[in-house]
Amino acid sequence: MRTWTLSILIALVASACQTPAGTVFKANVMQPDGSYPMPVALGDLTGLVTAIESTSGDWSNGSLPAVQQDPAEPHAVLVSWGTGACDDATGLSFDASDAGYSLVIHIDEGFNLGGCTAQLLIRGLRVRFSKAIPTDSITVLGGR
């Protein structure tokens, strides 16, 4: 019985932590002072993403999650979302949709057994594309 329960627990953990589909890009995002690093994986199902990297700052204008055009790069957008201090990882998926593109954010909350502070951290990611993608064509789903 104990082995069966452990096998089910391992299967549930593995399914919750799956890497996104498509071409996968990885980065570690952190706070401006380097604290609270978090691994991020972005699965690109369009073939348009060329790179991702951590960036500091909150481009949400008070509403998370958010996508803004990168003022320094016409072929890049800045993505902001919130996580808790003890969340383990974030997976994103970029795909074509009827309205343009969708960016789905999934936060892996991990196993926090009551020992975590209730602290909201703003995460920032620069997503570079092979062509300019208007931010109003990107619908963000999930995240916090």
C-alpha atoms as a PDB file:
ATOM      1  CA  MET A   1       0.000   0.000   0.000  1.00  0.00           C
ATOM      2  CA  ARG A   2       2.799   2.401   0.887  1.00  0.00           C
ATOM      3  CA  THR A   3       4.570   1.786  -2.463  1.00  0.00           C
ATOM      4  CA  TRP A   4       1.313   2.326  -4.366  1.00  0.00           C
ATOM      5  CA  THR A   5       0.670   5.636  -2.569  1.00  0.00           C
ATOM      6  CA  LEU A   6       4.245   6.791  -3.230  1.00  0.00           C
ATOM      7  CA  SER A   7       3.911   5.881  -6.933  1.00  0.00           C
ATOM      8  CA  ILE A   8       0.733   7.945  -7.256  1.00  0.00           C
ATOM      9  CA  LEU A   9       2.372  10.892  -5.476  1.00  0.00           C
ATOM     10  CA  ILE A  10       5.389  10.758  -7.816  1.00  0.00           C
ATOM     11  CA  ALA A  11       3.112  10.618 -10.886  1.00  0.00           C
ATOM     12  CA  LEU A  12       1.129  13.645  -9.682  1.00  0.00           C
ATOM     13  CA  VAL A  13       4.290  15.667  -9.057  1.00  0.00           C
ATOM     14  CA  ALA A  14       5.722  14.739 -12.463  1.00  0.00           C
ATOM     15  CA  SER A  15       2.533  15.690 -14.297  1.00  0.00           C
ATOM     16  CA  ALA A  16       2.322  19.054 -12.509  1.00  0.00           C
ATOM     17  CA  CYS A  17       5.915  19.946 -13.411  1.00  0.00           C
ATOM     18  CA  GLN A  18       5.885  19.035 -17.106  1.00  0.00           C
ATOM     19  CA  THR A  19       7.856  21.187 -19.514  1.00  0.00           C
ATOM     20  CA  PRO A  20       5.686  23.199 -21.930  1.00  0.00           C
ATOM     21  CA  ALA A  21       5.172  21.849 -25.465  1.00  0.00           C
ATOM     22  CA  GLY A  22       6.938  23.202 -28.551  1.00  0.00           C
ATOM     23  CA  THR A  23      10.437  24.660 -28.727  1.00  0.00           C
ATOM     24  CA  VAL A  24      11.399  25.301 -25.121  1.00  0.00           C
ATOM     25  CA  PHE A  25      13.374  28.338 -23.957  1.00  0.00           C
ATOM     26  CA  LYS A  26      14.639  28.522 -20.370  1.00  0.00           C
ATOM     27  CA  ALA A  27      15.753  31.332 -18.074  1.00  0.00           C
ATOM     28  CA  ASN A  28      15.976  32.139 -14.380  1.00  0.00           C
ATOM     29  CA  VAL A  29      14.057  35.218 -13.301  1.00  0.00           C
ATOM     30  CA  MET A  30      14.853  37.012 -10.070  1.00  0.00           C
ATOM     31  CA  GLN A  31      14.267  40.210  -8.194  1.00  0.00           C
ATOM     32  CA  PRO A  32      16.402  43.290  -9.021  1.00  0.00           C
ATOM     33  CA  ASP A  33      18.707  42.499  -6.072  1.00  0.00           C
ATOM     34  CA  GLY A  34      19.194  38.902  -7.297  1.00  0.00           C
ATOM     35  CA  SER A  35      16.976  37.344  -4.634  1.00  0.00           C
ATOM     36  CA  TYR A  36      14.207  34.782  -5.090  1.00  0.00           C
ATOM     37  CA  PRO A  37      15.455  33.139  -8.309  1.00  0.00           C
ATOM     38  CA  MET A  38      12.840  31.130 -10.188  1.00  0.00           C
ATOM     39  CA  PRO A  39      13.289  28.852 -13.209  1.00  0.00           C
ATOM     40  CA  VAL A  40      11.054  29.709 -16.160  1.00  0.00           C
ATOM     41  CA  ALA A  41      10.365  27.597 -19.246  1.00  0.00           C
ATOM     42  CA  LEU A  42       8.538  29.016 -22.259  1.00  0.00           C
ATOM     43  CA  GLY A  43       7.171  26.619 -24.866  1.00  0.00           C
ATOM     44  CA  ASP A  44       6.841  28.257 -28.292  1.00  0.00           C
ATOM     45  CA  LEU A  45       4.302  26.634 -30.595  1.00  0.00           C
ATOM     46  CA  THR A  46       4.584  29.347 -33.287  1.00  0.00           C
ATOM     47  CA  GLY A  47       8.269  29.240 -34.244  1.00  0.00           C
ATOM     48  CA  LEU A  48       8.461  33.008 -33.644  1.00  0.00           C
ATOM     49  CA  VAL A  49      10.278  33.136 -30.284  1.00  0.00           C
ATOM     50  CA  THR A  50      14.062  33.495 -30.588  1.00  0.00           C
ATOM     51  CA  ALA A  51      15.093  33.981 -26.924  1.00  0.00           C
ATOM     52  CA  ILE A  52      13.928  34.802 -23.414  1.00  0.00           C
ATOM     53  CA  GLU A  53      15.741  36.479 -20.547  1.00  0.00           C
ATOM     54  CA  SER A  54      15.077  37.771 -17.077  1.00  0.00           C
ATOM     55  CA  THR A  55      14.463  41.467 -16.747  1.00  0.00           C
ATOM     56  CA  SER A  56      13.657  43.567 -13.739  1.00  0.00           C
ATOM     57  CA  GLY A  57      10.743  45.887 -13.488  1.00  0.00           C
ATOM     58  CA  ASP A  58       6.998  45.910 -13.345  1.00  0.00           C
ATOM     59  CA  TRP A  59       5.248  46.882 -16.585  1.00  0.00           C
ATOM     60  CA  SER A  60       1.818  45.876 -15.378  1.00  0.00           C
ATOM     61  CA  ASN A  61       0.374  49.341 -14.648  1.00  0.00           C
ATOM     62  CA  GLY A  62      -1.260  47.750 -11.614  1.00  0.00           C
ATOM     63  CA  SER A  63      -2.820  44.776 -13.409  1.00  0.00           C
ATOM     64  CA  LEU A  64      -1.079  41.384 -13.437  1.00  0.00           C
ATOM     65  CA  PRO A  65      -0.264  39.524 -15.585  1.00  0.00           C
ATOM     66  CA  ALA A  66       0.679  42.027 -18.282  1.00  0.00           C
ATOM     67  CA  VAL A  67       2.492  42.314 -21.613  1.00  0.00           C
ATOM     68  CA  GLN A  68       4.110  45.545 -22.820  1.00  0.00           C
ATOM     69  CA  GLN A  69       6.168  46.398 -25.886  1.00  0.00           C
ATOM     70  CA  ASP A  70       9.885  46.584 -25.071  1.00  0.00           C
ATOM     71  CA  PRO A  71      10.842  50.238 -25.714  1.00  0.00           C
ATOM     72  CA  ALA A  72      14.442  49.208 -26.443  1.00  0.00           C
ATOM     73  CA  GLU A  73      13.656  46.379 -28.891  1.00  0.00           C
ATOM     74  CA  PRO A  74      10.856  46.437 -31.502  1.00  0.00           C
ATOM     75  CA  HIS A  75      10.922  42.617 -31.792  1.00  0.00           C
ATOM     76  CA  ALA A  76      10.526  42.007 -28.044  1.00  0.00           C
ATOM     77  CA  VAL A  77       7.843  42.216 -25.381  1.00  0.00           C
ATOM     78  CA  LEU A  78       8.098  42.480 -21.604  1.00  0.00           C
ATOM     79  CA  VAL A  79       5.946  40.114 -19.578  1.00  0.00           C
ATOM     80  CA  SER A  80       5.108  40.757 -15.904  1.00  0.00           C
ATOM     81  CA  TRP A  81       3.319  38.397 -13.533  1.00  0.00           C
ATOM     82  CA  GLY A  82       3.176  37.774  -9.820  1.00  0.00           C
ATOM     83  CA  THR A  83       4.257  34.764  -7.797  1.00  0.00           C
ATOM     84  CA  GLY A  84       4.565  33.929  -4.147  1.00  0.00           C
ATOM     85  CA  ALA A  85       7.933  33.892  -2.428  1.00  0.00           C
ATOM     86  CA  CYS A  86       7.856  30.092  -2.144  1.00  0.00           C
ATOM     87  CA  ASP A  87       6.532  29.171  -5.592  1.00  0.00           C
ATOM     88  CA  ASP A  88       8.867  26.771  -7.389  1.00  0.00           C
ATOM     89  CA  ALA A  89       8.745  27.564 -11.114  1.00  0.00           C
ATOM     90  CA  THR A  90       6.741  29.124 -13.932  1.00  0.00           C
ATOM     91  CA  GLY A  91       5.846  27.554 -17.264  1.00  0.00           C
ATOM     92  CA  LEU A  92       4.603  29.668 -20.164  1.00  0.00           C
ATOM     93  CA  SER A  93       3.170  28.620 -23.504  1.00  0.00           C
ATOM     94  CA  PHE A  94       3.041  30.901 -26.567  1.00  0.00           C
ATOM     95  CA  ASP A  95       0.702  29.863 -29.370  1.00  0.00           C
ATOM     96  CA  ALA A  96      -1.397  31.261 -32.215  1.00  0.00           C
ATOM     97  CA  SER A  97      -5.065  31.893 -31.456  1.00  0.00           C
ATOM     98  CA  ASP A  98      -8.122  33.136 -33.347  1.00  0.00           C
ATOM     99  CA  ALA A  99      -7.505  36.657 -31.999  1.00  0.00           C
ATOM    100  CA  GLY A 100      -3.733  36.655 -32.641  1.00  0.00           C
ATOM    101  CA  TYR A 101      -1.619  34.930 -29.989  1.00  0.00           C
ATOM    102  CA  SER A 102      -2.087  33.472 -26.525  1.00  0.00           C
ATOM    103  CA  LEU A 103       0.428  33.452 -23.697  1.00  0.00           C
ATOM    104  CA  VAL A 104      -0.583  31.013 -20.972  1.00  0.00           C
ATOM    105  CA  ILE A 105       1.190  31.302 -17.611  1.00  0.00           C
ATOM    106  CA  HIS A 106       1.222  28.386 -15.162  1.00  0.00           C
ATOM    107  CA  ILE A 107       2.828  28.825 -11.731  1.00  0.00           C
ATOM    108  CA  ASP A 108       4.080  25.704  -9.951  1.00  0.00           C
ATOM    109  CA  GLU A 109       3.272  26.321  -6.310  1.00  0.00           C
ATOM    110  CA  GLY A 110       5.317  23.334  -5.126  1.00  0.00           C
ATOM    111  CA  PHE A 111       4.935  21.813  -1.686  1.00  0.00           C
ATOM    112  CA  ASN A 112       4.722  24.577   0.905  1.00  0.00           C
ATOM    113  CA  LEU A 113       3.794  23.093   4.249  1.00  0.00           C
ATOM    114  CA  GLY A 114       2.828  26.335   5.938  1.00  0.00           C
ATOM    115  CA  GLY A 115       6.356  27.717   6.299  1.00  0.00           C
ATOM    116  CA  CYS A 116       6.159  30.446   3.678  1.00  0.00           C
ATOM    117  CA  THR A 117       5.534  34.159   3.980  1.00  0.00           C
ATOM    118  CA  ALA A 118       2.625  35.680   2.083  1.00  0.00           C
ATOM    119  CA  GLN A 119       4.759  37.849  -0.181  1.00  0.00           C
ATOM    120  CA  LEU A 120       3.903  38.861  -3.754  1.00  0.00           C
ATOM    121  CA  LEU A 121       6.917  39.012  -6.077  1.00  0.00           C
ATOM    122  CA  ILE A 122       6.672  40.670  -9.485  1.00  0.00           C
ATOM    123  CA  ARG A 123       8.463  38.609 -12.133  1.00  0.00           C
ATOM    124  CA  GLY A 124       9.760  40.055 -15.405  1.00  0.00           C
ATOM    125  CA  LEU A 125      10.672  38.312 -18.643  1.00  0.00           C
ATOM    126  CA  ARG A 126      11.794  39.703 -22.010  1.00  0.00           C
ATOM    127  CA  VAL A 127      10.566  37.571 -24.911  1.00  0.00           C
ATOM    128  CA  ARG A 128      12.319  38.165 -28.239  1.00  0.00           C
ATOM    129  CA  PHE A 129      10.659  37.299 -31.544  1.00  0.00           C
ATOM    130  CA  SER A 130      11.824  36.951 -35.148  1.00  0.00           C
ATOM    131  CA  LYS A 131       9.398  39.751 -36.082  1.00  0.00           C
ATOM    132  CA  ALA A 132       7.504  42.500 -34.268  1.00  0.00           C
ATOM    133  CA  ILE A 133       4.429  41.185 -32.440  1.00  0.00           C
ATOM    134  CA  PRO A 134       1.913  43.881 -31.395  1.00  0.00           C
ATOM    135  CA  THR A 135       1.105  43.499 -27.705  1.00  0.00           C
ATOM    136  CA  ASP A 136      -2.600  44.030 -28.352  1.00  0.00           C
ATOM    137  CA  SER A 137      -2.568  40.781 -30.347  1.00  0.00           C
ATOM    138  CA  ILE A 138      -1.356  38.784 -27.288  1.00  0.00           C
ATOM    139  CA  THR A 139      -3.970  37.500 -24.840  1.00  0.00           C
ATOM    140  CA  VAL A 140      -2.468  36.546 -21.469  1.00  0.00           C
ATOM    141  CA  LEU A 141      -4.143  33.738 -19.535  1.00  0.00           C
ATOM    142  CA  GLY A 142      -3.363  32.374 -16.084  1.00  0.00           C
ATOM    143  CA  GLY A 143      -0.709  33.658 -13.735  1.00  0.00           C
ATOM    144  CA  ARG A 144      -1.428  36.059 -10.897  1.00  0.00           C
END
